Every structure is written in C-alpha cells, then in structure tokens.
Amino acid sequence: MSSSSRRTVLRGLALAVAATAVPLSGRAPAAASGTSYGTGAGRVPPLRQMRGMWIASVANINWPSRAGLSAERQRAEYVGWLDLARARGLNAVFVQIRPTADAFWPSRYEPWSQYLTGVQGRDPGYDPLAFLVAETHRRGLAFHAWFNPYRVSTQADPSLLHPDHPGRRHPGWIVPYGGKLYYNPGMPEVRAFVQDAMMDAVTRYDIDGLHFDDYFYPVNTTAFDDAEAYARHGAGFPDLAAWRRENVDLLVREMQRRVRRAKPEIAWGISPSGIWRNRATDPLGSETGGSQSYDNLHADTRGWVGKGWLDYIAPQLYWHIGQSNADYAKLVPWWSDVVAGTGTQLWIGQAAYKAGAAGQPAEWSRPGELGEHLTLNEGHPEVGGDIWYNSGDVRDDRIGSISAVVTGHYTRPALSPLLPRLASGRAPGRPLVPSARRVRGGVELRILATGRKTPFQYAIFRLDRRAGPGDLAGARHLVAVVPAARDLRWTDPAGAGGAYYHVVAVDRAGRLSPPSVGRRARGDGPAGPGDREGA
C-alpha cells in the first residue's frame, strides 16, 4: 500500500474513533450508546458505557467490613473489591468517603470516620483516600468520591460526637430527627461549611468524580425543626417547602461552580430517588405512584438537569419491570426524555440488592430481571450505563443475576463515558506499537506513549484482518482496556499470529487519541517495518 493510501486508512480510522465522543447535544451516536448493544445478531457493543458499583462505608456495609480492622486488612479488603469490579467487567467505583460528617482522609474540617477505627477522630495510621485512589487507578478504573452532604450521625445524641466535631462546636447547626442528627440545610453558613469539607477532598486528591446520594432533607415534615432558620432566611417564599427546595438548589448549583472552578475535568453528579413527581401531581411527572423527591426530599431533580447543573444524573430505579406503582419500563423513557438535548449524562442506578433477596416480589426471583433492564435500556440512546447497588450484592450474585448481566451485556470491555463539555478538549497523542510478537501465552505488544503526558489507559483492538473505517467505533474488536505507561508490554492471551492490533490512548477525561498504526502479530521476534498494516 502506498504511503498516501495508508494515510487515508488511518484518517478514516481516526474519524471513526472520534465519532464515539458524545456530541454536545448529549445524545450518543448509535455505535457508542447502549442502543447498539445486546445479544442480537449484528449489534455492536458500545465503546463507552458507565459500569460502576457503589461501595458503601456507612455502618460498614461494604468497606471496611467492620470498624477497627488493621490498616493492612483494610487495604487488602479494598483491593478485593477492585478485583471484583474488574472480574465483573466494570470500569468505575463509587466509594463513600464522607458518610456521616466525617472523613476517610485527614480532613481539615471534620474528624476521622468512626467506620475506620471504631472511634470517631482516631487516626487509622495511613491515608485511606490516597490509597483508594492510587489502587483504583492502578487497575485502570475510575474513582468517584461519594459524599453525603448533611447527615451528621446515625444516632441522636450530639454529646457522642467527637469533642472537636463541628456539630459540637456549633450546636445550632444540628437538627435531631428520627433518631439521627443532621446539619441544617437552611443555614447559609452550614451550606458553605459542608461544601468546604467536601472540596477539601476534591482539591487534594486525584479523584475522577464527586458524587452525592439522594439524602438532602430527610423528609417533608415540620417535625424536622428548622423553623428558626426559616423565620430568619425564608422571607419571600410562599411556604416552607419552597424555601427548603431553594436551599437544596443552592447547594447543587454552588457545588457545580466550585467543582468546575477547582477541577474542571472531573464528573459531578447525583443519584437521586428515581421519581421526581407523579403524573397525578404534576403533568410533567412520570406515570408512577411512589414517593416524590420534589415534595418529600425537596430535591428538584428534573430541574437540576434542565438548568445544566449536573454532568450526570443517576436515578435510583430500584423497581422491577411491570411494577404497578413504579414500573422500570416507564421510568427509563421518562428520564431519557428529561435528559435529551441537555448535555447531562443519564446513568441508571440498579438494585442488585433486590435480586434473589428474601422478602422481595416474585419478579426479583427471576435471574434475568436485571439483564432485562439493560436490554430495555438499549432502546434509549440517552442511557449511558449503570451503577450497581451495592458491591456486596455484585459479589454475592444471588440466583446468578449478576452473572446473567455480565454474560449478556458485559462481554466486551468499555471505556467510561465522555462528558459532552469535555469532548472538544485536547486529545492524547497517538501511541506507537513497535512490535507485536507471539510469545508463550499469547501475543505480546509493546506500546509507547507519545506527547508530554502519559495517558490514563490504552484501549487495545484486535482484528483478524486489516481495520477499516467503523471497525474501531464500537467495542466489537476491543479486547482490553489497560492502565497506560510510557513504555508498556502487554500480552493478549487470546492472540495468535496474523492478528492485527490497533491501540488508542485514553486520557483521564475519556478523550481518545487517533489509533496507532496497525501492527500485525508475527510468529516470533520483533516486528519489522513490513508488519505494519497495509505494508
């Protein structure tokens, strides 16, 4: 092949790879979205898809498994969760690092978490967050730091907080309710403080995302005693609920501004309760009959998306297909319509904890229920992936429900979604593949980074023929996503002589380089110039 023809092929491949970036409209093209994935003939696995799991620390639900473990045991347990994520075909973890106004890092604002040592304020002897982030990235996974903004304690006695706890130093900030303690969201000084406390982790650690769960106000009731703050700050609002909703809006809007200013390339999002409002309450609501986050938690989740305050929203759609009051099959289209054209990503919170669990409706005893959720998602290109609650249930795989998801939907690796606002940023340099040779155990590639910055990952494609335009747009030929290095040797255990390889560099934001020149695997020894594709 002439040099001009080879340039034409490479240009076509580069355009195909570039086409997988989510456009500014927020809608993903078919080759990069869930619509193209499934078990049907001719369907191309998505190149990008959120595949995350929540690792909960409150009450030691997941990690650490109990308070007071040694630092060595804590580290070993966490590595086990990462191994699980990789084994299940996931590409991200959402780790709860501020569960109850405490910290899994040496915070400047709040005490060490009791869920580490058993005693709030006691130093665990190492920096857990630094370890968590480093180990996660070492395995090529994304680390999303999960925060609870306002929960102070799961018990009701302020005197049991650490003596230096902000709630002890500022007792007026605390509202007891339902046997728990909360910061008062209606106090501007509280809102500023909780943001400072969370931004401490954002600015000091190399995290990939900042994530809130669905807890803001605990419930729509006057028994949550914020009357004094309402009297001081609620002038001009028609009622208590409208004022509370504005307080939550302020937190979300201000967090967006602070995150964008400090770390513009990290993802910022929330996993709210899955029902904004019921249609019987509001014609814009979903065809449901469940608890409404707008009214009960004062969380205007639909409004946040429309106002562009989030990079992604991950509604917790913890209901089965066909459920009478909250049908998964009706909520996915509703949320897809909400995000369409906004630039906000839609990832679905999936209830791994319900599959095969005692006391659940019969539908959750079907091994294929969760897999059918992902199949349904394929018909909605706005859905960019899923996050599983929680990691313990992903591990336990009751009735084989998670195995069914993996074998039906995660047979190929996937890159993390690219935020539309970052799509036009500078892409990493095209990597070099100077050799691809047969070795004992497969085909060994040598991959060299180009440019000043080392990429975050390499996406490795294997074909049995020369690649053409479109071959790298989906994951049909994607065999691995691996942590990058300046000079990496990686072995494809399923590789054979004669296979063609392309490598694409991926930066931390998810931007893709042009693909490397194709390299054909040879029987032994280093490849020469004639082994490049088309030569």
Protein backbone atom coordinates (compact mmCIF):
# COMPACT_ATOMS: atom_id res chain seq x y z
CA MET A 1 0.00 0.00 0.00
CA SER A 2 1.32 3.44 -0.87
CA SER A 3 2.03 6.00 1.86
CA SER A 4 -0.87 8.16 0.66
CA SER A 5 -3.27 5.19 0.81
CA ARG A 6 -2.05 4.30 4.27
CA ARG A 7 -2.68 7.88 5.41
CA THR A 8 -6.21 7.63 4.00
CA VAL A 9 -6.88 4.45 6.01
CA LEU A 10 -5.52 5.98 9.20
CA ARG A 11 -7.55 9.14 8.67
CA GLY A 12 -10.69 7.03 8.31
CA LEU A 13 -9.89 5.09 11.46
CA ALA A 14 -9.23 8.29 13.39
CA LEU A 15 -12.56 9.74 12.27
CA ALA A 16 -14.31 6.55 13.33
CA VAL A 17 -12.74 6.70 16.77
CA ALA A 18 -13.53 10.39 17.10
CA ALA A 19 -17.16 9.68 16.25
CA THR A 20 -17.53 7.79 19.52
CA ALA A 21 -17.27 11.00 21.52
CA VAL A 22 -20.62 12.13 22.85
CA PRO A 23 -21.71 15.21 20.90
CA LEU A 24 -22.53 18.47 22.62
CA SER A 25 -26.25 17.73 22.41
CA GLY A 26 -25.74 14.99 24.98
CA ARG A 27 -27.10 12.28 22.70
CA ALA A 28 -24.68 9.48 21.95
CA PRO A 29 -24.39 8.11 18.39
CA ALA A 30 -25.68 4.60 17.93
CA ALA A 31 -22.24 2.98 17.78
CA ALA A 32 -21.28 4.45 21.15
CA SER A 33 -24.54 4.06 23.01
CA GLY A 34 -26.50 1.34 24.72
CA THR A 35 -28.86 1.10 21.73
CA SER A 36 -26.34 -0.93 19.78
CA TYR A 37 -25.57 -3.50 22.44
CA GLY A 38 -27.25 -6.80 23.02
CA THR A 39 -27.20 -10.43 22.07
CA GLY A 40 -28.92 -9.89 18.73
CA ALA A 41 -27.03 -10.50 15.51
CA GLY A 42 -25.23 -7.51 14.11
CA ARG A 43 -25.34 -5.43 17.27
CA VAL A 44 -22.12 -3.70 18.16
CA PRO A 45 -21.09 -3.47 21.84
CA PRO A 46 -20.74 0.16 22.99
CA LEU A 47 -17.24 1.56 23.17
CA ARG A 48 -18.33 3.79 26.06
CA GLN A 49 -20.58 2.74 28.91
CA MET A 50 -20.69 3.56 32.61
CA ARG A 51 -20.31 0.32 34.54
CA GLY A 52 -19.96 1.26 38.18
CA MET A 53 -20.73 -0.08 41.62
CA TRP A 54 -21.32 1.66 44.92
CA ILE A 55 -19.02 0.74 47.80
CA ALA A 56 -20.77 1.89 50.98
CA SER A 57 -18.90 2.67 54.19
CA VAL A 58 -21.73 3.89 56.47
CA ALA A 59 -22.37 1.27 59.15
CA ASN A 60 -19.55 -0.73 57.48
CA ILE A 61 -21.99 -2.00 54.85
CA ASN A 62 -19.23 -2.87 52.37
CA TRP A 63 -15.84 -1.40 53.22
CA PRO A 64 -14.22 -1.71 55.67
CA SER A 65 -16.23 -4.81 56.58
CA ARG A 66 -16.06 -3.77 60.23
CA ALA A 67 -14.56 -0.94 62.22
CA GLY A 68 -11.18 -1.41 63.85
CA LEU A 69 -9.52 -3.58 61.23
CA SER A 70 -5.79 -3.06 60.79
CA ALA A 71 -4.64 -0.79 58.01
CA GLU A 72 -3.21 -3.84 56.24
CA ARG A 73 -6.54 -5.67 56.42
CA GLN A 74 -8.45 -2.59 55.23
CA ARG A 75 -6.16 -2.24 52.25
CA ALA A 76 -6.45 -5.92 51.38
CA GLU A 77 -10.25 -5.78 51.54
CA TYR A 78 -10.37 -2.79 49.23
CA VAL A 79 -8.10 -4.45 46.67
CA GLY A 80 -10.54 -7.35 46.76
CA TRP A 81 -13.38 -5.01 45.76
CA LEU A 82 -11.31 -3.72 42.85
CA ASP A 83 -10.57 -7.27 41.74
CA LEU A 84 -14.30 -7.94 41.84
CA ALA A 85 -15.03 -4.86 39.73
CA ARG A 86 -12.61 -5.99 37.06
CA ALA A 87 -13.90 -9.56 37.14
CA ARG A 88 -17.45 -8.30 36.58
CA GLY A 89 -16.45 -6.12 33.65
CA LEU A 90 -16.93 -2.81 35.49
CA ASN A 91 -14.90 0.35 34.87
CA ALA A 92 -15.66 2.59 37.88
CA VAL A 93 -16.23 2.50 41.63
CA PHE A 94 -18.24 5.00 43.70
CA VAL A 95 -16.75 4.92 47.18
CA GLN A 96 -18.42 6.55 50.19
CA ILE A 97 -15.69 8.63 51.83
CA ARG A 98 -17.80 11.05 53.92
CA PRO A 99 -20.71 9.01 55.26
CA THR A 100 -21.69 10.99 58.40
CA ALA A 101 -19.96 14.38 58.50
CA ASP A 102 -16.65 12.59 59.00
CA ALA A 103 -13.79 11.71 56.72
CA PHE A 104 -11.81 8.90 55.17
CA TRP A 105 -8.86 11.26 54.74
CA PRO A 106 -7.01 13.65 57.08
CA SER A 107 -9.62 16.38 56.68
CA ARG A 108 -9.06 19.98 57.66
CA TYR A 109 -12.72 20.25 58.59
CA GLU A 110 -14.11 17.06 60.11
CA PRO A 111 -12.85 14.16 62.25
CA TRP A 112 -11.70 10.75 61.09
CA SER A 113 -14.63 8.42 60.46
CA GLN A 114 -15.63 6.01 63.17
CA TYR A 115 -16.15 3.38 60.48
CA LEU A 116 -12.39 3.10 60.08
CA THR A 117 -11.23 2.60 63.65
CA GLY A 118 -14.41 2.32 65.69
CA VAL A 119 -13.72 5.66 67.39
CA GLN A 120 -14.56 8.94 65.69
CA GLY A 121 -11.46 11.10 65.39
CA ARG A 122 -8.92 8.28 65.79
CA ASP A 123 -6.19 8.28 63.15
CA PRO A 124 -6.18 4.96 61.23
CA GLY A 125 -2.42 5.19 60.71
CA TYR A 126 -2.48 5.82 56.98
CA ASP A 127 -4.31 7.98 54.43
CA PRO A 128 -7.16 5.76 53.20
CA LEU A 129 -8.30 8.09 50.42
CA ALA A 130 -4.80 8.37 48.94
CA PHE A 131 -4.61 4.57 48.93
CA LEU A 132 -8.10 4.13 47.47
CA VAL A 133 -7.45 6.48 44.57
CA ALA A 134 -4.00 5.12 43.75
CA GLU A 135 -5.06 1.46 43.81
CA THR A 136 -8.17 2.17 41.75
CA HIS A 137 -6.19 3.96 39.06
CA ARG A 138 -3.51 1.27 39.11
CA ARG A 139 -6.16 -1.11 37.83
CA GLY A 140 -7.41 1.25 35.15
CA LEU A 141 -10.67 2.02 36.97
CA ALA A 142 -12.22 5.43 37.64
CA PHE A 143 -12.65 6.60 41.23
CA HIS A 144 -15.77 8.60 42.10
CA ALA A 145 -15.77 10.05 45.61
CA TRP A 146 -19.21 9.60 47.19
CA PHE A 147 -20.34 12.15 49.80
CA ASN A 148 -23.42 12.53 51.95
CA PRO A 149 -23.87 16.32 52.36
CA TYR A 150 -25.98 16.74 55.51
CA ARG A 151 -26.11 13.54 57.58
CA VAL A 152 -24.15 14.06 60.81
CA SER A 153 -24.79 10.87 62.77
CA THR A 154 -26.94 7.75 62.70
CA GLN A 155 -27.64 8.26 66.42
CA ALA A 156 -29.37 11.20 68.11
CA ASP A 157 -27.05 12.31 70.93
CA PRO A 158 -24.76 15.24 69.99
CA SER A 159 -22.62 14.58 73.05
CA LEU A 160 -21.43 11.34 71.46
CA LEU A 161 -19.79 13.22 68.61
CA HIS A 162 -16.05 13.85 68.79
CA PRO A 163 -15.32 16.87 71.05
CA ASP A 164 -13.86 18.79 68.09
CA HIS A 165 -16.68 17.83 65.73
CA PRO A 166 -18.22 20.89 64.02
CA GLY A 167 -21.61 19.83 65.37
CA ARG A 168 -20.26 20.12 68.92
CA ARG A 169 -18.60 23.47 68.25
CA HIS A 170 -21.74 24.79 66.52
CA PRO A 171 -24.72 23.10 68.18
CA GLY A 172 -27.11 25.45 66.40
CA TRP A 173 -26.17 23.80 63.12
CA ILE A 174 -27.63 20.45 64.21
CA VAL A 175 -31.22 19.23 63.81
CA PRO A 176 -32.18 15.94 65.52
CA TYR A 177 -34.81 13.95 63.65
CA GLY A 178 -35.88 10.31 63.55
CA GLY A 179 -33.13 9.12 65.87
CA LYS A 180 -30.40 10.76 63.79
CA LEU A 181 -28.58 14.08 63.55
CA TYR A 182 -28.47 16.33 60.51
CA TYR A 183 -26.84 19.57 59.53
CA ASN A 184 -29.49 22.21 58.86
CA PRO A 185 -29.59 22.84 55.07
CA GLY A 186 -31.38 26.17 55.62
CA MET A 187 -28.39 27.89 57.21
CA PRO A 188 -26.05 29.58 54.70
CA GLU A 189 -23.06 29.01 56.99
CA VAL A 190 -23.83 25.28 57.08
CA ARG A 191 -24.13 25.09 53.33
CA ALA A 192 -20.78 26.85 52.93
CA PHE A 193 -19.15 24.60 55.51
CA VAL A 194 -20.27 21.28 54.00
CA GLN A 195 -19.05 22.45 50.61
CA ASP A 196 -15.67 23.37 52.09
CA ALA A 197 -15.47 19.97 53.78
CA MET A 198 -16.11 18.12 50.54
CA MET A 199 -13.96 20.36 48.38
CA ASP A 200 -11.06 19.58 50.70
CA ALA A 201 -11.00 16.08 49.22
CA VAL A 202 -11.64 17.29 45.68
CA THR A 203 -8.70 19.69 45.66
CA ARG A 204 -6.21 17.46 47.47
CA TYR A 205 -6.80 14.09 45.78
CA ASP A 206 -6.74 12.84 42.22
CA ILE A 207 -10.38 11.76 42.09
CA ASP A 208 -12.36 11.30 38.87
CA GLY A 209 -15.74 12.40 40.15
CA LEU A 210 -17.69 13.97 43.01
CA HIS A 211 -20.92 12.13 43.76
CA PHE A 212 -23.92 12.79 46.02
CA ASP A 213 -26.50 10.22 47.03
CA ASP A 214 -30.21 11.03 47.46
CA TYR A 215 -30.22 12.39 51.02
CA PHE A 216 -30.87 16.12 51.40
CA TYR A 217 -33.75 16.97 53.72
CA PRO A 218 -34.74 13.73 55.43
CA VAL A 219 -38.50 14.02 54.95
CA ASN A 220 -41.27 16.51 54.22
CA THR A 221 -42.43 17.26 57.75
CA THR A 222 -42.41 20.10 60.23
CA ALA A 223 -41.04 17.61 62.77
CA PHE A 224 -37.68 18.39 61.20
CA ASP A 225 -37.29 21.53 63.25
CA ASP A 226 -35.84 24.24 61.03
CA ALA A 227 -38.45 26.86 62.00
CA GLU A 228 -35.89 29.31 63.36
CA ALA A 229 -33.81 29.21 60.18
CA TYR A 230 -36.98 29.58 58.10
CA ALA A 231 -38.00 32.65 60.07
CA ARG A 232 -34.55 34.16 59.53
CA HIS A 233 -33.99 33.25 55.88
CA GLY A 234 -37.37 32.30 54.39
CA ALA A 235 -38.79 35.73 53.53
CA GLY A 236 -40.27 35.87 50.06
CA PHE A 237 -41.03 32.17 49.74
CA PRO A 238 -44.66 31.00 49.56
CA ASP A 239 -44.18 28.18 52.02
CA LEU A 240 -41.66 26.09 53.92
CA ALA A 241 -41.37 23.51 51.14
CA ALA A 242 -40.42 26.10 48.51
CA TRP A 243 -37.75 27.54 50.80
CA ARG A 244 -36.32 24.11 51.55
CA ARG A 245 -36.23 23.30 47.85
CA GLU A 246 -34.33 26.52 47.17
CA ASN A 247 -31.79 25.55 49.84
CA VAL A 248 -31.10 22.26 48.08
CA ASP A 249 -30.96 24.03 44.71
CA LEU A 250 -28.35 26.40 46.09
CA LEU A 251 -26.20 23.52 47.28
CA VAL A 252 -26.33 21.82 43.88
CA ARG A 253 -25.69 24.99 41.88
CA GLU A 254 -22.88 26.16 44.13
CA MET A 255 -21.20 22.75 44.12
CA GLN A 256 -21.22 22.75 40.34
CA ARG A 257 -19.49 26.13 40.25
CA ARG A 258 -16.89 25.14 42.80
CA VAL A 259 -16.10 21.80 41.18
CA ARG A 260 -15.81 23.34 37.71
CA ARG A 261 -13.54 26.06 39.05
CA ALA A 262 -11.25 23.71 41.00
CA LYS A 263 -11.23 20.54 38.86
CA PRO A 264 -12.99 21.15 35.54
CA GLU A 265 -12.24 17.67 34.21
CA ILE A 266 -13.92 15.64 36.96
CA ALA A 267 -17.52 14.48 36.74
CA TRP A 268 -20.10 15.93 39.12
CA GLY A 269 -23.40 14.18 39.62
CA ILE A 270 -26.14 12.93 41.91
CA SER A 271 -28.01 9.64 42.29
CA PRO A 272 -31.47 10.77 43.43
CA SER A 273 -34.55 8.79 44.26
CA GLY A 274 -35.98 7.65 40.95
CA ILE A 275 -39.31 9.52 40.98
CA TRP A 276 -39.29 13.29 40.55
CA ARG A 277 -43.09 13.71 40.73
CA ASN A 278 -46.03 11.51 39.85
CA ARG A 279 -48.16 12.49 36.88
CA ALA A 280 -51.21 12.68 39.13
CA THR A 281 -49.43 15.50 40.98
CA ASP A 282 -47.78 17.20 38.02
CA PRO A 283 -48.48 16.64 34.29
CA LEU A 284 -44.71 16.70 33.69
CA GLY A 285 -44.21 13.82 36.11
CA SER A 286 -43.80 10.11 35.44
CA GLU A 287 -46.58 7.56 35.22
CA THR A 288 -45.90 6.36 38.76
CA GLY A 289 -47.44 6.40 42.21
CA GLY A 290 -44.44 6.43 44.54
CA SER A 291 -42.58 8.80 46.84
CA GLN A 292 -41.76 12.08 45.08
CA SER A 293 -38.29 13.55 45.58
CA TYR A 294 -39.52 17.04 44.66
CA ASP A 295 -42.02 17.05 47.51
CA ASN A 296 -40.63 14.61 50.07
CA LEU A 297 -36.91 15.33 49.90
CA HIS A 298 -37.21 18.85 48.47
CA ALA A 299 -34.98 17.76 45.59
CA ASP A 300 -35.97 19.18 42.20
CA THR A 301 -34.07 16.55 40.28
CA ARG A 302 -35.72 17.29 36.94
CA GLY A 303 -34.98 20.98 37.39
CA TRP A 304 -31.28 20.36 38.01
CA VAL A 305 -30.97 18.61 34.66
CA GLY A 306 -32.86 21.28 32.77
CA LYS A 307 -30.74 24.04 34.29
CA GLY A 308 -27.49 22.30 33.42
CA TRP A 309 -26.25 21.98 36.99
CA LEU A 310 -25.01 18.38 36.70
CA ASP A 311 -22.66 16.44 34.45
CA TYR A 312 -24.75 13.32 35.01
CA ILE A 313 -27.78 12.13 36.91
CA ALA A 314 -28.09 8.54 38.10
CA PRO A 315 -31.69 7.99 39.28
CA GLN A 316 -32.14 5.01 41.55
CA LEU A 317 -34.63 2.96 39.54
CA TYR A 318 -34.88 0.21 42.11
CA TRP A 319 -38.09 -1.30 40.76
CA HIS A 320 -38.82 -4.28 38.55
CA ILE A 321 -40.28 -4.18 35.07
CA GLY A 322 -44.03 -4.04 35.36
CA GLN A 323 -44.20 -2.86 38.99
CA SER A 324 -47.63 -1.25 39.39
CA ASN A 325 -46.64 1.96 41.19
CA ALA A 326 -43.14 2.41 39.72
CA ASP A 327 -42.55 0.49 36.51
CA TYR A 328 -38.92 0.39 35.42
CA ALA A 329 -40.11 0.20 31.82
CA LYS A 330 -41.92 3.53 32.19
CA LEU A 331 -39.29 5.36 34.21
CA VAL A 332 -36.40 4.80 31.80
CA PRO A 333 -38.24 6.50 28.91
CA TRP A 334 -39.29 9.33 31.23
CA TRP A 335 -35.75 10.02 32.39
CA SER A 336 -34.47 9.68 28.82
CA ASP A 337 -36.84 12.44 27.77
CA VAL A 338 -35.69 14.59 30.71
CA VAL A 339 -32.01 14.48 29.71
CA ALA A 340 -32.47 14.54 25.92
CA GLY A 341 -30.68 17.51 24.42
CA THR A 342 -29.42 18.84 27.77
CA GLY A 343 -25.82 17.61 27.74
CA THR A 344 -26.46 15.80 31.04
CA GLN A 345 -25.50 12.13 31.05
CA LEU A 346 -28.03 9.54 32.23
CA TRP A 347 -26.75 6.56 34.17
CA ILE A 348 -29.22 4.21 35.86
CA GLY A 349 -28.96 3.11 39.49
CA GLN A 350 -29.66 -0.64 39.52
CA ALA A 351 -30.95 -2.63 42.51
CA ALA A 352 -28.54 -5.54 42.66
CA TYR A 353 -29.54 -5.83 46.33
CA LYS A 354 -33.08 -6.93 45.43
CA ALA A 355 -32.24 -9.78 43.06
CA GLY A 356 -32.88 -13.09 44.80
CA ALA A 357 -33.30 -11.40 48.19
CA ALA A 358 -35.83 -12.61 50.75
CA GLY A 359 -39.00 -10.58 51.06
CA GLN A 360 -38.90 -9.13 47.54
CA PRO A 361 -41.71 -9.53 44.97
CA ALA A 362 -41.59 -12.65 42.83
CA GLU A 363 -40.18 -10.74 39.86
CA TRP A 364 -36.89 -10.36 41.73
CA SER A 365 -36.53 -14.13 41.95
CA ARG A 366 -36.04 -14.29 38.18
CA PRO A 367 -32.31 -14.48 37.34
CA GLY A 368 -32.82 -12.43 34.19
CA GLU A 369 -34.64 -9.41 35.68
CA LEU A 370 -31.58 -7.16 35.88
CA GLY A 371 -30.35 -8.26 32.48
CA GLU A 372 -33.73 -7.33 31.03
CA HIS A 373 -33.28 -3.85 32.50
CA LEU A 374 -30.12 -3.38 30.45
CA THR A 375 -31.80 -4.84 27.37
CA LEU A 376 -34.60 -2.30 27.77
CA ASN A 377 -32.02 0.47 28.13
CA GLU A 378 -30.67 -0.39 24.68
CA GLY A 379 -33.77 1.18 23.16
CA HIS A 380 -32.96 4.53 24.77
CA PRO A 381 -29.72 6.08 23.47
CA GLU A 382 -29.74 8.65 26.27
CA VAL A 383 -28.86 5.90 28.78
CA GLY A 384 -25.09 5.84 29.05
CA GLY A 385 -24.71 3.00 31.53
CA ASP A 386 -25.47 1.77 35.03
CA ILE A 387 -24.27 1.86 38.63
CA TRP A 388 -24.97 -1.16 40.84
CA TYR A 389 -26.05 -1.00 44.46
CA ASN A 390 -24.21 -2.35 46.16
CA SER A 391 -20.83 -4.00 45.77
CA GLY A 392 -21.68 -6.76 48.24
CA ASP A 393 -24.60 -7.84 46.07
CA VAL A 394 -22.47 -7.62 42.94
CA ARG A 395 -20.12 -10.02 44.72
CA ASP A 396 -22.81 -12.37 46.08
CA ASP A 397 -24.53 -12.80 42.71
CA ARG A 398 -27.64 -14.36 44.21
CA ILE A 399 -29.53 -16.58 41.73
CA GLY A 400 -26.86 -15.73 39.14
CA SER A 401 -28.44 -12.36 38.36
CA ILE A 402 -25.12 -10.51 38.04
CA SER A 403 -23.58 -13.34 36.02
CA ALA A 404 -26.51 -13.01 33.62
CA VAL A 405 -25.76 -9.31 33.22
CA VAL A 406 -22.06 -9.96 32.61
CA THR A 407 -22.58 -12.74 30.07
CA GLY A 408 -25.39 -10.90 28.31
CA HIS A 409 -24.11 -7.34 28.33
CA TYR A 410 -20.52 -7.04 29.54
CA THR A 411 -18.76 -9.49 27.23
CA ARG A 412 -16.50 -6.72 25.93
CA PRO A 413 -14.65 -4.05 27.91
CA ALA A 414 -15.99 -0.49 27.83
CA LEU A 415 -14.47 2.94 28.29
CA SER A 416 -16.05 5.39 30.70
CA PRO A 417 -18.45 7.91 29.17
CA LEU A 418 -17.04 11.20 27.90
CA LEU A 419 -18.71 14.30 29.32
CA PRO A 420 -20.03 16.42 26.43
CA ARG A 421 -18.45 19.58 27.80
CA LEU A 422 -15.00 17.94 27.63
CA ALA A 423 -15.32 16.42 24.17
CA SER A 424 -13.59 19.31 22.43
CA GLY A 425 -10.54 19.28 24.71
CA ARG A 426 -7.08 18.30 23.59
CA ALA A 427 -6.83 14.58 22.88
CA PRO A 428 -3.80 12.49 23.88
CA GLY A 429 -1.10 11.69 21.36
CA ARG A 430 -1.34 8.65 19.10
CA PRO A 431 0.54 5.74 20.69
CA LEU A 432 3.17 3.70 18.90
CA VAL A 433 3.17 -0.09 18.67
CA PRO A 434 6.68 -1.00 17.58
CA SER A 435 6.18 -4.74 17.99
CA ALA A 436 3.56 -7.48 18.23
CA ARG A 437 5.06 -10.94 18.56
CA ARG A 438 4.00 -14.40 19.53
CA VAL A 439 5.23 -15.46 22.96
CA ARG A 440 4.37 -18.26 25.27
CA GLY A 441 0.86 -17.44 26.44
CA GLY A 442 -0.30 -15.18 23.60
CA VAL A 443 0.83 -12.12 21.68
CA GLU A 444 3.00 -9.52 23.39
CA LEU A 445 2.53 -5.91 22.35
CA ARG A 446 4.97 -3.15 23.09
CA ILE A 447 3.13 0.17 23.40
CA LEU A 448 4.84 3.54 23.62
CA ALA A 449 3.14 6.77 24.69
CA THR A 450 3.71 9.96 22.75
CA GLY A 451 3.31 13.52 23.93
CA ARG A 452 4.24 15.05 27.26
CA LYS A 453 1.55 13.42 29.40
CA THR A 454 1.24 9.70 29.98
CA PRO A 455 -2.28 8.54 29.08
CA PHE A 456 -4.60 7.08 31.68
CA GLN A 457 -5.46 3.96 29.69
CA TYR A 458 -4.88 2.14 26.43
CA ALA A 459 -7.80 0.65 24.51
CA ILE A 460 -6.50 -2.34 22.58
CA PHE A 461 -8.28 -3.65 19.49
CA ARG A 462 -7.62 -6.99 17.78
CA LEU A 463 -8.87 -7.91 14.33
CA ASP A 464 -8.33 -10.88 12.07
CA ARG A 465 -7.96 -8.59 9.07
CA ARG A 466 -6.98 -5.06 8.25
CA ALA A 467 -9.11 -2.46 10.03
CA GLY A 468 -11.35 -0.17 8.07
CA PRO A 469 -13.48 2.86 8.93
CA GLY A 470 -16.05 1.93 11.55
CA ASP A 471 -14.13 -1.06 12.92
CA LEU A 472 -12.97 0.89 15.97
CA ALA A 473 -16.18 2.87 16.54
CA GLY A 474 -17.66 0.22 18.82
CA ALA A 475 -16.24 -2.47 21.07
CA ARG A 476 -16.72 -5.47 18.77
CA HIS A 477 -12.93 -5.73 18.37
CA LEU A 478 -11.96 -4.23 21.73
CA VAL A 479 -10.09 -6.89 23.70
CA ALA A 480 -8.74 -4.91 26.66
CA VAL A 481 -8.63 -1.56 28.42
CA VAL A 482 -5.41 -1.43 30.44
CA PRO A 483 -3.63 1.14 32.62
CA ALA A 484 -1.18 3.09 30.50
CA ALA A 485 2.56 3.61 30.90
CA ARG A 486 5.21 5.38 28.86
CA ASP A 487 6.61 2.05 27.71
CA LEU A 488 4.21 -0.86 28.27
CA ARG A 489 4.47 -4.52 27.40
CA TRP A 490 1.10 -6.25 27.43
CA THR A 491 0.23 -9.81 26.46
CA ASP A 492 -3.02 -10.76 24.77
CA PRO A 493 -3.69 -14.31 25.98
CA ALA A 494 -6.12 -14.95 23.11
CA GLY A 495 -3.85 -13.50 20.44
CA ALA A 496 -2.44 -15.50 17.57
CA GLY A 497 -0.03 -14.96 14.74
CA GLY A 498 -1.53 -12.94 11.91
CA ALA A 499 -3.85 -10.86 14.12
CA TYR A 500 -3.89 -7.12 13.56
CA TYR A 501 -3.69 -4.74 16.54
CA HIS A 502 -4.57 -1.08 16.98
CA VAL A 503 -4.12 0.86 20.22
CA VAL A 504 -5.91 4.05 21.21
CA ALA A 505 -4.69 6.23 24.11
CA VAL A 506 -7.32 7.47 26.58
CA ASP A 507 -6.83 10.43 28.91
CA ARG A 508 -8.40 10.85 32.36
CA ALA A 509 -11.36 12.74 30.94
CA GLY A 510 -12.02 9.93 28.46
CA ARG A 511 -10.80 11.68 25.31
CA LEU A 512 -9.33 9.38 22.67
CA SER A 513 -6.21 9.66 20.58
CA PRO A 514 -6.13 8.71 16.92
CA PRO A 515 -5.48 4.97 16.65
CA SER A 516 -1.97 3.66 16.31
CA VAL A 517 -0.75 2.32 13.03
CA GLY A 518 -1.97 -1.26 12.81
CA ARG A 519 0.56 -3.90 13.80
CA ARG A 520 0.32 -7.49 12.61
CA ALA A 521 1.41 -10.17 15.06
CA ARG A 522 4.36 -12.25 13.89
CA GLY A 523 5.34 -15.72 14.90
CA ASP A 524 8.39 -14.73 16.94
CA GLY A 525 10.92 -11.99 17.38
CA PRO A 526 10.42 -8.24 16.99
CA ALA A 527 8.23 -6.99 14.18
CA GLY A 528 9.80 -5.11 11.30
CA PRO A 529 8.52 -2.36 9.01
CA GLY A 530 6.69 -4.88 6.85
CA ASP A 531 4.46 -5.86 9.75
CA ARG A 532 2.61 -2.57 9.83
CA GLU A 533 -0.91 -2.68 8.46
CA GLY A 534 -1.03 -2.28 4.71
CA ALA A 535 2.70 -2.79 4.17
